[in-house]
Amino acid sequence: HVQLVESGGGLVQDGGSLRLSCAASARTFSAIAMGWFLQAPGKEREFVAAISWSTGSTYHADSVKGRFTISRDNTKNTVYLVMNSLKPEDKAVYYCAEKTASFARITTARGYDYWGQGTQVTVSS
């Protein structure tokens, strides 16, 4: 059973930066990618970024391109999300998730199999 633990959230001022981490307790043989999603109160979970474990290929939502960067450390089974130029509208709970089997639906929450508990990011104006 894979456990994903996020950390690094917190309160930051408008224009500030944070680095989120997601540590996986283990990687299943079929694990192929990791993703980050955000969920604001009353809204659906929204894709932020994803990365392939094997190739390091990345995918970023248009809303975060140029500001957020996903990366991974295979030796530590850890994925990172560096968030720069944060805006008040980035405030949300950020979740990491692991995807198995295929790259299909990599930008949709339903395409992922395991989820972390989430970490709160708050950006003050």
C-alpha atoms as a PDB file:
ATOM      1  CA  HIS A   1       0.000   0.000   0.000  1.00  0.00           C
ATOM      2  CA  VAL A   2       1.542   3.298  -1.108  1.00  0.00           C
ATOM      3  CA  GLN A   3       1.482   6.213   1.275  1.00  0.00           C
ATOM      4  CA  LEU A   4       2.034   9.734   0.020  1.00  0.00           C
ATOM      5  CA  VAL A   5       2.950  12.465   2.477  1.00  0.00           C
ATOM      6  CA  GLU A   6       2.951  16.112   1.440  1.00  0.00           C
ATOM      7  CA  SER A   7       4.797  18.864   3.246  1.00  0.00           C
ATOM      8  CA  GLY A   8       5.916  22.422   2.687  1.00  0.00           C
ATOM      9  CA  GLY A   9       2.637  24.266   2.662  1.00  0.00           C
ATOM     10  CA  GLY A  10       2.053  27.400   4.675  1.00  0.00           C
ATOM     11  CA  LEU A  11       1.312  31.093   4.599  1.00  0.00           C
ATOM     12  CA  VAL A  12       3.177  33.317   2.172  1.00  0.00           C
ATOM     13  CA  GLN A  13       2.752  36.842   0.907  1.00  0.00           C
ATOM     14  CA  ASP A  14       1.609  37.758  -2.571  1.00  0.00           C
ATOM     15  CA  GLY A  15       4.576  37.238  -4.924  1.00  0.00           C
ATOM     16  CA  GLY A  16       6.303  34.835  -2.560  1.00  0.00           C
ATOM     17  CA  SER A  17       7.503  31.284  -3.055  1.00  0.00           C
ATOM     18  CA  LEU A  18       7.015  27.856  -1.544  1.00  0.00           C
ATOM     19  CA  ARG A  19       8.352  24.395  -2.240  1.00  0.00           C
ATOM     20  CA  LEU A  20       6.036  21.469  -1.677  1.00  0.00           C
ATOM     21  CA  SER A  21       7.359  17.951  -1.233  1.00  0.00           C
ATOM     22  CA  CYS A  22       5.610  14.629  -1.643  1.00  0.00           C
ATOM     23  CA  ALA A  23       7.337  11.560  -0.269  1.00  0.00           C
ATOM     24  CA  ALA A  24       6.123   8.141  -1.362  1.00  0.00           C
ATOM     25  CA  SER A  25       6.610   5.313   1.127  1.00  0.00           C
ATOM     26  CA  ALA A  26       7.233   2.973  -1.765  1.00  0.00           C
ATOM     27  CA  ARG A  27       6.830   2.835  -5.497  1.00  0.00           C
ATOM     28  CA  THR A  28       4.795   0.061  -6.953  1.00  0.00           C
ATOM     29  CA  PHE A  29       6.098  -1.679 -10.052  1.00  0.00           C
ATOM     30  CA  SER A  30       3.316  -0.109 -12.097  1.00  0.00           C
ATOM     31  CA  ALA A  31       3.772   3.459 -10.833  1.00  0.00           C
ATOM     32  CA  ILE A  32       4.479   5.667 -13.816  1.00  0.00           C
ATOM     33  CA  ALA A  33       3.841   9.276 -12.846  1.00  0.00           C
ATOM     34  CA  MET A  34       3.127  11.682 -10.032  1.00  0.00           C
ATOM     35  CA  GLY A  35       0.873  14.672 -10.106  1.00  0.00           C
ATOM     36  CA  TRP A  36      -0.038  17.729  -8.092  1.00  0.00           C
ATOM     37  CA  PHE A  37      -3.588  18.980  -7.813  1.00  0.00           C
ATOM     38  CA  LEU A  38      -5.164  21.847  -5.927  1.00  0.00           C
ATOM     39  CA  GLN A  39      -8.602  22.179  -4.431  1.00  0.00           C
ATOM     40  CA  ALA A  40     -10.071  25.465  -3.327  1.00  0.00           C
ATOM     41  CA  PRO A  41     -13.105  25.543  -1.005  1.00  0.00           C
ATOM     42  CA  GLY A  42     -16.280  24.625  -2.844  1.00  0.00           C
ATOM     43  CA  LYS A  43     -14.466  23.764  -6.045  1.00  0.00           C
ATOM     44  CA  GLU A  44     -13.388  20.594  -7.790  1.00  0.00           C
ATOM     45  CA  ARG A  45      -9.871  19.262  -7.629  1.00  0.00           C
ATOM     46  CA  GLU A  46      -7.802  20.913 -10.353  1.00  0.00           C
ATOM     47  CA  PHE A  47      -4.697  19.703 -12.176  1.00  0.00           C
ATOM     48  CA  VAL A  48      -1.480  21.620 -11.516  1.00  0.00           C
ATOM     49  CA  ALA A  49       1.423  19.531 -12.819  1.00  0.00           C
ATOM     50  CA  ALA A  50       2.612  15.989 -13.439  1.00  0.00           C
ATOM     51  CA  ILE A  51       5.902  14.212 -14.029  1.00  0.00           C
ATOM     52  CA  SER A  52       6.925  10.843 -15.399  1.00  0.00           C
ATOM     53  CA  TRP A  53       8.979   8.754 -12.992  1.00  0.00           C
ATOM     54  CA  SER A  54      11.062   7.195 -15.764  1.00  0.00           C
ATOM     55  CA  THR A  55      11.696  10.007 -18.252  1.00  0.00           C
ATOM     56  CA  GLY A  56      11.146  13.094 -16.134  1.00  0.00           C
ATOM     57  CA  SER A  57       8.792  14.508 -18.758  1.00  0.00           C
ATOM     58  CA  THR A  58       6.621  17.179 -17.215  1.00  0.00           C
ATOM     59  CA  TYR A  59       3.181  18.630 -17.787  1.00  0.00           C
ATOM     60  CA  HIS A  60       2.002  21.927 -16.298  1.00  0.00           C
ATOM     61  CA  ALA A  61      -1.392  23.553 -16.324  1.00  0.00           C
ATOM     62  CA  ASP A  62      -1.509  26.749 -18.358  1.00  0.00           C
ATOM     63  CA  SER A  63      -2.421  28.700 -15.235  1.00  0.00           C
ATOM     64  CA  VAL A  64       0.897  27.855 -13.577  1.00  0.00           C
ATOM     65  CA  LYS A  65       3.314  27.688 -16.510  1.00  0.00           C
ATOM     66  CA  GLY A  66       6.283  29.918 -15.873  1.00  0.00           C
ATOM     67  CA  ARG A  67       5.530  30.090 -12.142  1.00  0.00           C
ATOM     68  CA  PHE A  68       5.389  26.502 -10.879  1.00  0.00           C
ATOM     69  CA  THR A  69       7.835  23.703 -11.619  1.00  0.00           C
ATOM     70  CA  ILE A  70       7.466  20.020 -10.853  1.00  0.00           C
ATOM     71  CA  SER A  71      10.507  17.806 -10.371  1.00  0.00           C
ATOM     72  CA  ARG A  72      11.362  14.442  -8.880  1.00  0.00           C
ATOM     73  CA  ASP A  73      14.142  12.643  -7.060  1.00  0.00           C
ATOM     74  CA  ASN A  74      13.918   8.969  -7.927  1.00  0.00           C
ATOM     75  CA  THR A  75      16.442   7.994  -5.265  1.00  0.00           C
ATOM     76  CA  LYS A  76      14.196   9.448  -2.568  1.00  0.00           C
ATOM     77  CA  ASN A  77      10.828   8.563  -4.136  1.00  0.00           C
ATOM     78  CA  THR A  78      10.007  12.241  -3.733  1.00  0.00           C
ATOM     79  CA  VAL A  79       8.326  14.760  -5.988  1.00  0.00           C
ATOM     80  CA  TYR A  80       8.560  18.517  -5.573  1.00  0.00           C
ATOM     81  CA  LEU A  81       6.512  21.482  -6.650  1.00  0.00           C
ATOM     82  CA  VAL A  82       8.332  24.802  -6.594  1.00  0.00           C
ATOM     83  CA  MET A  83       5.835  27.622  -6.636  1.00  0.00           C
ATOM     84  CA  ASN A  84       7.047  31.128  -7.451  1.00  0.00           C
ATOM     85  CA  SER A  85       5.182  34.401  -7.917  1.00  0.00           C
ATOM     86  CA  LEU A  86       2.315  33.107  -5.802  1.00  0.00           C
ATOM     87  CA  LYS A  87      -0.996  34.904  -6.031  1.00  0.00           C
ATOM     88  CA  PRO A  88      -3.931  35.021  -3.619  1.00  0.00           C
ATOM     89  CA  GLU A  89      -5.924  32.912  -6.097  1.00  0.00           C
ATOM     90  CA  ASP A  90      -3.375  30.092  -5.670  1.00  0.00           C
ATOM     91  CA  LYS A  91      -4.722  29.575  -2.165  1.00  0.00           C
ATOM     92  CA  ALA A  92      -5.911  25.979  -1.858  1.00  0.00           C
ATOM     93  CA  VAL A  93      -5.146  22.586  -0.442  1.00  0.00           C
ATOM     94  CA  TYR A  94      -2.503  20.955  -2.625  1.00  0.00           C
ATOM     95  CA  TYR A  95      -2.521  17.199  -3.082  1.00  0.00           C
ATOM     96  CA  CYS A  96       0.010  14.887  -4.618  1.00  0.00           C
ATOM     97  CA  ALA A  97      -1.095  11.720  -6.327  1.00  0.00           C
ATOM     98  CA  GLU A  98       0.415   8.668  -7.944  1.00  0.00           C
ATOM     99  CA  LYS A  99      -0.641   7.270 -11.272  1.00  0.00           C
ATOM    100  CA  THR A 100      -0.252   3.685 -12.388  1.00  0.00           C
ATOM    101  CA  ALA A 101      -0.863   1.669 -15.518  1.00  0.00           C
ATOM    102  CA  SER A 102      -0.906   4.350 -18.240  1.00  0.00           C
ATOM    103  CA  PHE A 103      -0.450   8.032 -19.049  1.00  0.00           C
ATOM    104  CA  ALA A 104      -4.077   8.374 -20.060  1.00  0.00           C
ATOM    105  CA  ARG A 105      -6.000  11.094 -18.215  1.00  0.00           C
ATOM    106  CA  ILE A 106      -2.809  12.413 -16.658  1.00  0.00           C
ATOM    107  CA  THR A 107      -4.436  15.824 -16.158  1.00  0.00           C
ATOM    108  CA  THR A 108      -7.573  14.509 -14.472  1.00  0.00           C
ATOM    109  CA  ALA A 109      -7.962  13.554 -10.839  1.00  0.00           C
ATOM    110  CA  ARG A 110      -9.783  10.351 -11.748  1.00  0.00           C
ATOM    111  CA  GLY A 111      -6.690   9.178 -13.593  1.00  0.00           C
ATOM    112  CA  TYR A 112      -4.750   8.755 -10.332  1.00  0.00           C
ATOM    113  CA  ASP A 113      -4.780   5.858  -7.950  1.00  0.00           C
ATOM    114  CA  TYR A 114      -3.207   7.025  -4.700  1.00  0.00           C
ATOM    115  CA  TRP A 115      -3.502  10.362  -2.918  1.00  0.00           C
ATOM    116  CA  GLY A 116      -1.807  12.189  -0.107  1.00  0.00           C
ATOM    117  CA  GLN A 117      -3.633  13.973   2.689  1.00  0.00           C
ATOM    118  CA  GLY A 118      -3.008  17.438   1.276  1.00  0.00           C
ATOM    119  CA  THR A 119      -1.139  20.515   2.455  1.00  0.00           C
ATOM    120  CA  GLN A 120      -2.637  23.981   2.801  1.00  0.00           C
ATOM    121  CA  VAL A 121      -1.191  26.898   0.850  1.00  0.00           C
ATOM    122  CA  THR A 122      -2.383  30.382   1.749  1.00  0.00           C
ATOM    123  CA  VAL A 123      -1.279  33.522  -0.054  1.00  0.00           C
ATOM    124  CA  SER A 124      -1.976  36.846   1.615  1.00  0.00           C
ATOM    125  CA  SER A 125      -2.513  39.985  -0.412  1.00  0.00           C
END
